[in-house]
Amino acid sequence: MKYTFMALCLAALSMGACSLLTDFSEDSPVEICDNGIDDDNDGFIDCDDSQCRSVEACVGGEICDNGSDDDGDALVDCDDPDCESNQACQVTNETLCADGIDNDDDGHIDCADQDCINAPECMGAEEICDNGIDDNDNALIDCEEPSCANHPFCAGNTCPEEAAYFDSINSAFCSNQGVCTFMTIPGSDGEEIISGCGPVDGKYYDYNKEGLCPKGAPNLNGVCATLCNTQHSPCPPPEDATAGITPLCRMRDLPPILVGKGLCVLEASCDPYLGTGCPLEHFCKLDVQITTDTGTQLLSVDSPYCTQPFESRFQDEDCFANEECEGHLSCVKKQGDSKGTCLSPCDGTSTSCDNFHSCVLPEGGDSIGYCLPVSTN
């Protein structure tokens, strides 16, 4: 179909009337108003073209599914309030399970959302619900994981603390849900120890980075730390005990996580400077205090013992207990202070400490001392 318009023109007196025919065919180019192209080749693109004046995108509205900021307010598609009721923006479940976004605004992101439980990207490692470890690397540990909601440990199956110690008989608790023992859970200020029903395995005084520990021994950063108190002692002997090593329930100068409890260690004639006298993966420690006599810094030490550090604080770092200092470093405290400093042992020679520390021997002529910072000597 063609539409023909006639225009009359005036010509010179010597010429007759003439007409101008302008033909607009249905095959003529039409401007697409949101593609950034001058489709009809008239020099005007999208909303600058008169053909687009009545199109929604050109009268202030956002097109909600084209990936463009149509109304120039720096908000694209569903991020623009104009699209709040648009069907394209009505998300009712977690549609993308690995984008780090809470697509359905229910407070759960990606694999932590039940909508993604069968998504391929969420079918990796399975969360073990009672080991204090984020097994599937989604920042949710044990009972925080939706898939653990019905696990016995997460369904309120707890037991009294007295039944959790290594020598307690707990036949009246836990039934078929494991053994009453100590375990760690995330707390408001880091990990905390609770008593609960769970699986147990392994050896006392063992180092087990991710596995289970025996009854009464929570896994503290890979160390099966056997807990004790005055009612639950003497401590169990190590399976590979050697002569001269005696289990001891240590009730003082312990890390804050063990408040109100004791820790089983191994009393031994060990040497922290030479690193001898302790079983494998144990380190020799001394209780060391700095005392002052007429302005002179002196040391007092107690008997050595073997223990397993479950933190790795280095030389000159603050500490509350020997078990927080790495290797053979001990937590050296000033008399009366609860906090100390991780310091290395020395043998009295000038070469056993670095240039920033000097070796101070304890009162009584003991051959093992500690490297105190030069400014405190």
Protein backbone atom coordinates (compact mmCIF):
# COMPACT_ATOMS: atom_id res chain seq x y z
CA MET A 1 0.00 0.00 0.00
CA LYS A 2 1.32 3.43 -0.88
CA TYR A 3 0.36 6.86 0.29
CA THR A 4 0.96 9.68 -2.22
CA PHE A 5 0.93 13.29 -1.29
CA MET A 6 0.85 16.04 -3.92
CA ALA A 7 2.31 19.45 -3.36
CA LEU A 8 1.80 22.31 -5.77
CA CYS A 9 4.74 24.51 -6.60
CA LEU A 10 5.05 27.75 -8.38
CA ALA A 11 7.46 27.92 -11.22
CA ALA A 12 8.73 30.66 -13.33
CA LEU A 13 6.14 32.37 -15.47
CA SER A 14 7.45 30.50 -18.45
CA MET A 15 6.80 27.15 -16.75
CA GLY A 16 3.56 25.40 -15.85
CA ALA A 17 2.44 23.95 -12.54
CA CYS A 18 4.45 21.10 -11.14
CA SER A 19 3.94 18.54 -8.38
CA LEU A 20 6.30 16.86 -5.76
CA LEU A 21 5.56 13.26 -4.92
CA THR A 22 6.94 11.93 -1.57
CA ASP A 23 6.62 8.17 -1.11
CA PHE A 24 6.60 6.56 2.41
CA SER A 25 6.51 2.82 1.93
CA GLU A 26 5.90 0.17 4.59
CA ASP A 27 9.38 -1.09 3.69
CA SER A 28 10.98 2.16 4.88
CA PRO A 29 13.48 1.80 7.81
CA VAL A 30 12.02 2.16 11.30
CA GLU A 31 14.01 3.38 14.34
CA ILE A 32 14.48 0.82 17.13
CA CYS A 33 14.53 2.98 20.23
CA ASP A 34 16.86 1.16 22.64
CA ASN A 35 19.72 -0.37 20.65
CA GLY A 36 22.12 2.57 20.28
CA ILE A 37 21.91 2.47 16.46
CA ASP A 38 20.56 4.96 13.90
CA ASP A 39 18.34 2.36 12.22
CA ASP A 40 16.60 4.71 9.75
CA ASN A 41 19.76 6.63 8.84
CA ASP A 42 18.26 10.03 9.57
CA GLY A 43 21.07 11.15 11.83
CA PHE A 44 19.10 10.62 15.04
CA ILE A 45 19.64 7.65 17.36
CA ASP A 46 17.05 6.04 19.65
CA CYS A 47 15.20 8.64 21.78
CA ASP A 48 16.64 11.53 19.73
CA ASP A 49 14.60 10.27 16.78
CA SER A 50 11.04 11.69 16.47
CA GLN A 51 9.70 8.19 15.82
CA CYS A 52 10.58 7.27 19.46
CA ARG A 53 8.87 10.13 21.26
CA SER A 54 5.99 8.02 22.52
CA VAL A 55 8.08 4.95 23.41
CA GLU A 56 8.23 4.17 27.19
CA ALA A 57 12.02 4.27 27.36
CA CYS A 58 12.03 7.78 25.90
CA VAL A 59 9.45 9.33 28.18
CA GLY A 60 11.27 8.66 31.46
CA GLY A 61 10.59 4.95 32.11
CA GLU A 62 13.11 2.14 32.71
CA ILE A 63 12.99 -0.96 30.51
CA CYS A 64 13.47 -3.64 33.13
CA ASP A 65 15.23 -6.45 31.28
CA ASN A 66 17.64 -4.97 28.76
CA GLY A 67 20.73 -4.36 30.89
CA SER A 68 20.66 -0.61 30.19
CA ASP A 69 20.05 2.48 32.33
CA ASP A 70 17.23 3.77 30.15
CA ASP A 71 16.13 6.70 32.31
CA GLY A 72 19.62 7.91 33.23
CA ASP A 73 19.32 7.56 37.01
CA ALA A 74 22.35 5.23 37.37
CA LEU A 75 20.05 2.31 38.28
CA VAL A 76 19.79 -0.52 35.79
CA ASP A 77 16.80 -2.81 35.28
CA CYS A 78 15.60 -4.39 38.58
CA ASP A 79 17.84 -2.09 40.63
CA ASP A 80 15.61 0.79 39.53
CA PRO A 81 12.52 1.39 41.76
CA ASP A 82 10.54 1.92 38.51
CA CYS A 83 10.81 -1.85 38.00
CA GLU A 84 9.67 -2.92 41.45
CA SER A 85 6.38 -4.35 40.19
CA ASN A 86 7.69 -5.52 36.83
CA GLN A 87 7.32 -9.26 36.30
CA ALA A 88 10.96 -9.58 35.26
CA CYS A 89 11.99 -8.46 38.76
CA GLN A 90 9.78 -10.73 40.82
CA VAL A 91 12.36 -13.21 42.19
CA THR A 92 10.89 -15.82 44.50
CA ASN A 93 13.89 -18.12 44.94
CA GLU A 94 17.67 -18.17 44.75
CA THR A 95 18.16 -18.29 40.97
CA LEU A 96 21.98 -18.09 40.84
CA CYS A 97 23.79 -20.27 43.34
CA ALA A 98 27.37 -19.06 42.90
CA ASP A 99 27.11 -15.28 42.37
CA GLY A 100 27.60 -14.19 45.99
CA ILE A 101 24.21 -12.39 45.96
CA ASP A 102 21.06 -13.07 47.96
CA ASN A 103 18.81 -13.14 44.89
CA ASP A 104 15.54 -13.72 46.75
CA ASP A 105 16.35 -11.50 49.76
CA ASP A 106 15.71 -14.21 52.35
CA GLY A 107 19.00 -13.75 54.21
CA HIS A 108 20.71 -16.81 52.69
CA ILE A 109 23.28 -16.54 49.92
CA ASP A 110 24.05 -19.14 47.23
CA CYS A 111 24.62 -22.64 48.67
CA ALA A 112 23.42 -21.50 52.10
CA ASP A 113 19.93 -21.11 50.60
CA GLN A 114 17.71 -24.19 50.56
CA ASP A 115 16.73 -23.29 46.98
CA CYS A 116 20.29 -24.23 45.92
CA ILE A 117 20.56 -27.51 47.81
CA ASN A 118 20.50 -29.52 44.57
CA ALA A 119 22.38 -27.03 42.41
CA PRO A 120 25.50 -28.55 40.77
CA GLU A 121 27.74 -25.85 42.24
CA CYS A 122 26.50 -26.77 45.73
CA MET A 123 26.99 -30.51 45.43
CA GLY A 124 30.64 -30.51 46.51
CA ALA A 125 31.89 -31.35 50.00
CA GLU A 126 29.13 -32.22 52.46
CA GLU A 127 28.96 -30.40 55.77
CA ILE A 128 29.78 -32.59 58.76
CA CYS A 129 27.45 -31.23 61.41
CA ASP A 130 29.42 -31.82 64.60
CA ASN A 131 33.13 -31.27 63.93
CA GLY A 132 33.46 -27.47 64.27
CA ILE A 133 34.75 -27.18 60.68
CA ASP A 134 33.32 -25.43 57.60
CA ASP A 135 33.59 -28.55 55.43
CA ASN A 136 32.01 -27.09 52.27
CA ASP A 137 33.62 -23.63 52.46
CA ASN A 138 30.41 -21.59 52.50
CA ALA A 139 31.17 -19.72 55.76
CA LEU A 140 28.53 -21.75 57.66
CA ILE A 141 29.78 -24.16 60.33
CA ASP A 142 27.93 -27.22 61.61
CA CYS A 143 24.45 -26.22 62.85
CA GLU A 144 24.56 -22.93 60.92
CA GLU A 145 24.26 -25.03 57.74
CA PRO A 146 20.60 -25.54 56.65
CA SER A 147 21.31 -29.18 55.74
CA CYS A 148 22.24 -29.86 59.41
CA ALA A 149 18.86 -28.79 60.79
CA ASN A 150 17.79 -32.35 61.57
CA HIS A 151 21.18 -33.68 62.63
CA PRO A 152 21.10 -35.06 66.21
CA PHE A 153 23.77 -32.63 67.37
CA CYS A 154 21.81 -29.67 66.01
CA ALA A 155 18.41 -30.85 67.22
CA GLY A 156 19.13 -30.18 70.89
CA ASN A 157 20.78 -33.47 71.88
CA THR A 158 23.07 -32.26 74.64
CA CYS A 159 24.36 -33.87 77.80
CA PRO A 160 25.61 -32.52 81.17
CA GLU A 161 29.22 -31.39 81.44
CA GLU A 162 30.00 -33.86 84.21
CA ALA A 163 29.21 -36.71 81.81
CA ALA A 164 31.58 -35.40 79.13
CA TYR A 165 34.93 -35.96 80.89
CA PHE A 166 37.24 -38.74 79.75
CA ASP A 167 36.51 -41.00 82.77
CA SER A 168 32.73 -40.48 82.95
CA ILE A 169 30.33 -43.30 82.15
CA ASN A 170 27.44 -41.83 80.17
CA SER A 171 25.14 -44.78 79.46
CA ALA A 172 22.16 -42.68 80.58
CA PHE A 173 22.81 -39.99 77.97
CA CYS A 174 22.92 -39.69 74.19
CA SER A 175 21.33 -43.09 73.45
CA ASN A 176 22.17 -43.85 69.81
CA GLN A 177 23.33 -40.33 69.04
CA GLY A 178 26.97 -40.82 69.93
CA VAL A 179 28.90 -40.31 73.16
CA CYS A 180 28.72 -37.48 75.66
CA THR A 181 31.93 -35.54 75.14
CA PHE A 182 33.38 -32.04 74.80
CA MET A 183 33.26 -30.25 71.46
CA THR A 184 33.74 -26.75 70.11
CA ILE A 185 31.12 -24.51 68.52
CA PRO A 186 31.36 -20.94 67.15
CA GLY A 187 30.75 -18.37 69.88
CA SER A 188 30.38 -14.61 70.01
CA ASP A 189 34.10 -14.18 70.85
CA GLY A 190 35.49 -17.12 68.88
CA GLU A 191 35.17 -20.80 69.64
CA GLU A 192 33.71 -22.05 72.90
CA ILE A 193 33.61 -25.51 74.46
CA ILE A 194 30.32 -27.26 75.20
CA SER A 195 29.29 -30.77 76.22
CA GLY A 196 27.19 -32.67 73.72
CA CYS A 197 26.46 -35.97 72.02
CA GLY A 198 28.71 -36.84 69.11
CA PRO A 199 31.10 -39.37 67.60
CA VAL A 200 34.49 -39.99 69.25
CA ASP A 201 37.67 -41.64 68.01
CA GLY A 202 41.45 -41.28 68.08
CA LYS A 203 44.09 -41.17 70.79
CA TYR A 204 44.58 -38.98 73.85
CA TYR A 205 47.41 -36.40 73.54
CA ASP A 206 47.21 -36.79 69.76
CA TYR A 207 47.46 -34.25 66.98
CA ASN A 208 44.56 -34.61 64.57
CA LYS A 209 44.04 -31.65 62.28
CA GLU A 210 40.53 -32.45 61.06
CA GLY A 211 39.54 -35.77 62.57
CA LEU A 212 37.71 -36.90 65.67
CA CYS A 213 39.13 -36.98 69.19
CA PRO A 214 38.57 -39.36 72.14
CA LYS A 215 35.85 -38.85 74.73
CA GLY A 216 36.44 -35.73 76.83
CA ALA A 217 38.92 -34.18 74.37
CA PRO A 218 37.65 -31.37 72.12
CA ASN A 219 39.58 -30.68 68.93
CA LEU A 220 41.29 -27.31 69.44
CA ASN A 221 42.91 -26.28 66.15
CA GLY A 222 43.99 -29.84 65.46
CA VAL A 223 44.97 -30.78 69.02
CA CYS A 224 42.93 -33.37 70.94
CA ALA A 225 43.03 -31.43 74.23
CA THR A 226 42.01 -33.76 77.09
CA LEU A 227 40.11 -31.82 79.75
CA CYS A 228 40.21 -32.57 83.48
CA ASN A 229 39.48 -31.12 86.92
CA THR A 230 39.98 -32.11 90.54
CA GLN A 231 37.13 -34.64 90.32
CA HIS A 232 38.25 -36.04 86.97
CA SER A 233 41.88 -36.97 87.46
CA PRO A 234 44.46 -38.46 87.24
CA CYS A 235 44.61 -37.93 83.53
CA PRO A 236 44.69 -40.87 81.11
CA PRO A 237 48.17 -42.09 80.17
CA PRO A 238 49.40 -41.64 76.60
CA GLU A 239 49.40 -44.83 74.54
CA ASP A 240 53.07 -44.42 73.62
CA ALA A 241 54.26 -43.32 77.05
CA THR A 242 57.97 -43.56 77.82
CA ALA A 243 59.72 -43.78 81.16
CA GLY A 244 59.78 -40.57 83.19
CA ILE A 245 56.55 -39.14 81.69
CA THR A 246 53.56 -38.72 84.04
CA PRO A 247 50.09 -37.39 83.13
CA LEU A 248 49.23 -34.24 85.09
CA CYS A 249 46.00 -32.23 85.38
CA ARG A 250 47.09 -28.61 84.96
CA MET A 251 44.59 -26.21 86.53
CA ARG A 252 46.33 -22.81 86.26
CA ASP A 253 47.65 -20.39 83.64
CA LEU A 254 45.51 -21.83 80.86
CA PRO A 255 44.07 -20.19 77.70
CA PRO A 256 40.76 -18.32 78.15
CA ILE A 257 38.82 -20.99 76.20
CA LEU A 258 39.55 -23.42 79.08
CA VAL A 259 38.21 -21.19 81.86
CA GLY A 260 36.82 -23.33 84.69
CA LYS A 261 38.50 -26.47 83.38
CA GLY A 262 41.90 -28.15 83.56
CA LEU A 263 44.13 -29.51 80.79
CA CYS A 264 45.94 -32.86 80.80
CA VAL A 265 49.66 -32.38 80.13
CA LEU A 266 52.71 -34.62 80.56
CA GLU A 267 55.15 -33.95 83.39
CA ALA A 268 58.68 -34.76 82.21
CA SER A 269 62.35 -33.90 82.66
CA CYS A 270 62.49 -32.12 79.33
CA ASP A 271 64.75 -29.38 77.99
CA PRO A 272 63.01 -26.48 76.17
CA TYR A 273 66.26 -25.11 74.75
CA LEU A 274 67.48 -28.38 73.24
CA GLY A 275 63.95 -29.54 72.47
CA THR A 276 64.39 -32.94 74.08
CA GLY A 277 62.45 -35.12 76.49
CA CYS A 278 58.89 -34.84 75.07
CA PRO A 279 56.85 -37.23 72.93
CA LEU A 280 56.31 -36.56 69.25
CA GLU A 281 54.39 -33.32 68.52
CA HIS A 282 54.75 -32.15 72.14
CA PHE A 283 56.93 -29.26 73.26
CA CYS A 284 58.71 -28.58 76.52
CA LYS A 285 57.39 -25.56 78.45
CA LEU A 286 58.19 -23.86 81.75
CA ASP A 287 56.11 -21.58 83.95
CA VAL A 288 58.27 -18.46 84.01
CA GLN A 289 57.82 -15.27 86.03
CA ILE A 290 59.87 -12.09 86.00
CA THR A 291 60.54 -10.86 89.54
CA THR A 292 62.33 -7.71 90.67
CA ASP A 293 64.95 -7.45 93.41
CA THR A 294 66.58 -4.05 94.05
CA GLY A 295 65.95 -3.01 90.45
CA THR A 296 67.30 -6.21 88.89
CA GLN A 297 65.08 -8.41 86.73
CA LEU A 298 65.16 -12.03 87.89
CA LEU A 299 63.41 -15.17 86.73
CA SER A 300 61.64 -17.85 88.69
CA VAL A 301 60.63 -21.11 86.99
CA ASP A 302 58.59 -24.18 87.85
CA SER A 303 59.11 -27.76 86.76
CA PRO A 304 59.04 -28.37 83.01
CA TYR A 305 56.21 -30.21 81.30
CA CYS A 306 55.28 -31.37 77.78
CA THR A 307 52.21 -29.98 76.05
CA GLN A 308 50.71 -29.39 72.61
CA PRO A 309 50.24 -25.72 71.63
CA PHE A 310 46.91 -25.09 69.95
CA GLU A 311 47.80 -21.58 68.87
CA SER A 312 50.89 -20.28 67.05
CA ARG A 313 51.90 -17.00 68.63
CA PHE A 314 55.47 -16.01 67.87
CA GLN A 315 58.36 -14.40 69.73
CA ASP A 316 57.33 -11.15 71.51
CA GLU A 317 53.59 -11.67 70.93
CA ASP A 318 51.15 -11.35 73.84
CA CYS A 319 49.85 -14.49 75.53
CA PHE A 320 47.88 -15.80 78.50
CA ALA A 321 49.25 -19.36 78.52
CA ASN A 322 52.10 -21.53 77.28
CA GLU A 323 49.70 -23.39 74.98
CA GLU A 324 49.27 -20.19 72.94
CA CYS A 325 53.00 -19.90 72.12
CA GLU A 326 54.44 -21.87 69.23
CA GLY A 327 57.02 -24.61 69.65
CA HIS A 328 59.25 -24.38 72.74
CA LEU A 329 58.42 -20.71 73.43
CA SER A 330 56.91 -20.09 76.87
CA CYS A 331 54.51 -17.38 78.04
CA VAL A 332 56.74 -15.31 80.34
CA LYS A 333 54.83 -13.05 82.75
CA LYS A 334 55.74 -10.34 85.19
CA GLN A 335 54.86 -11.30 88.72
CA GLY A 336 51.15 -10.67 89.37
CA ASP A 337 50.21 -10.17 85.69
CA SER A 338 47.74 -12.43 83.90
CA LYS A 339 49.11 -11.58 80.46
CA GLY A 340 52.65 -12.25 79.33
CA THR A 341 54.89 -12.46 76.26
CA CYS A 342 55.94 -15.46 74.19
CA LEU A 343 59.72 -15.74 74.62
CA SER A 344 62.31 -18.31 73.59
CA PRO A 345 64.56 -20.30 75.96
CA CYS A 346 68.31 -19.80 76.14
CA ASP A 347 71.33 -21.50 77.75
CA GLY A 348 73.11 -18.51 79.30
CA THR A 349 75.44 -17.81 76.39
CA SER A 350 75.37 -14.54 74.48
CA THR A 351 74.69 -16.35 71.19
CA SER A 352 71.50 -18.08 72.36
CA CYS A 353 69.43 -14.89 71.90
CA ASP A 354 69.27 -12.33 69.09
CA ASN A 355 70.55 -8.75 69.30
CA PHE A 356 67.23 -7.47 70.67
CA HIS A 357 67.10 -9.91 73.59
CA SER A 358 69.50 -11.01 76.29
CA CYS A 359 69.57 -14.33 78.11
CA VAL A 360 68.47 -14.12 81.76
CA LEU A 361 68.92 -17.21 83.91
CA PRO A 362 66.61 -18.00 86.83
CA GLU A 363 67.55 -17.65 90.45
CA GLY A 364 69.52 -20.62 91.77
CA GLY A 365 71.87 -20.98 88.85
CA ASP A 366 69.66 -23.04 86.56
CA SER A 367 71.25 -23.47 83.12
CA ILE A 368 68.03 -22.78 81.20
CA GLY A 369 66.88 -19.17 80.98
CA TYR A 370 64.79 -17.01 78.67
CA CYS A 371 65.54 -14.30 76.13
CA LEU A 372 64.08 -11.13 77.61
CA PRO A 373 63.79 -7.96 75.52
CA VAL A 374 66.80 -5.75 76.14
CA SER A 375 64.62 -2.85 77.32
CA THR A 376 63.25 -4.91 80.25
CA ASN A 377 66.58 -6.14 81.62
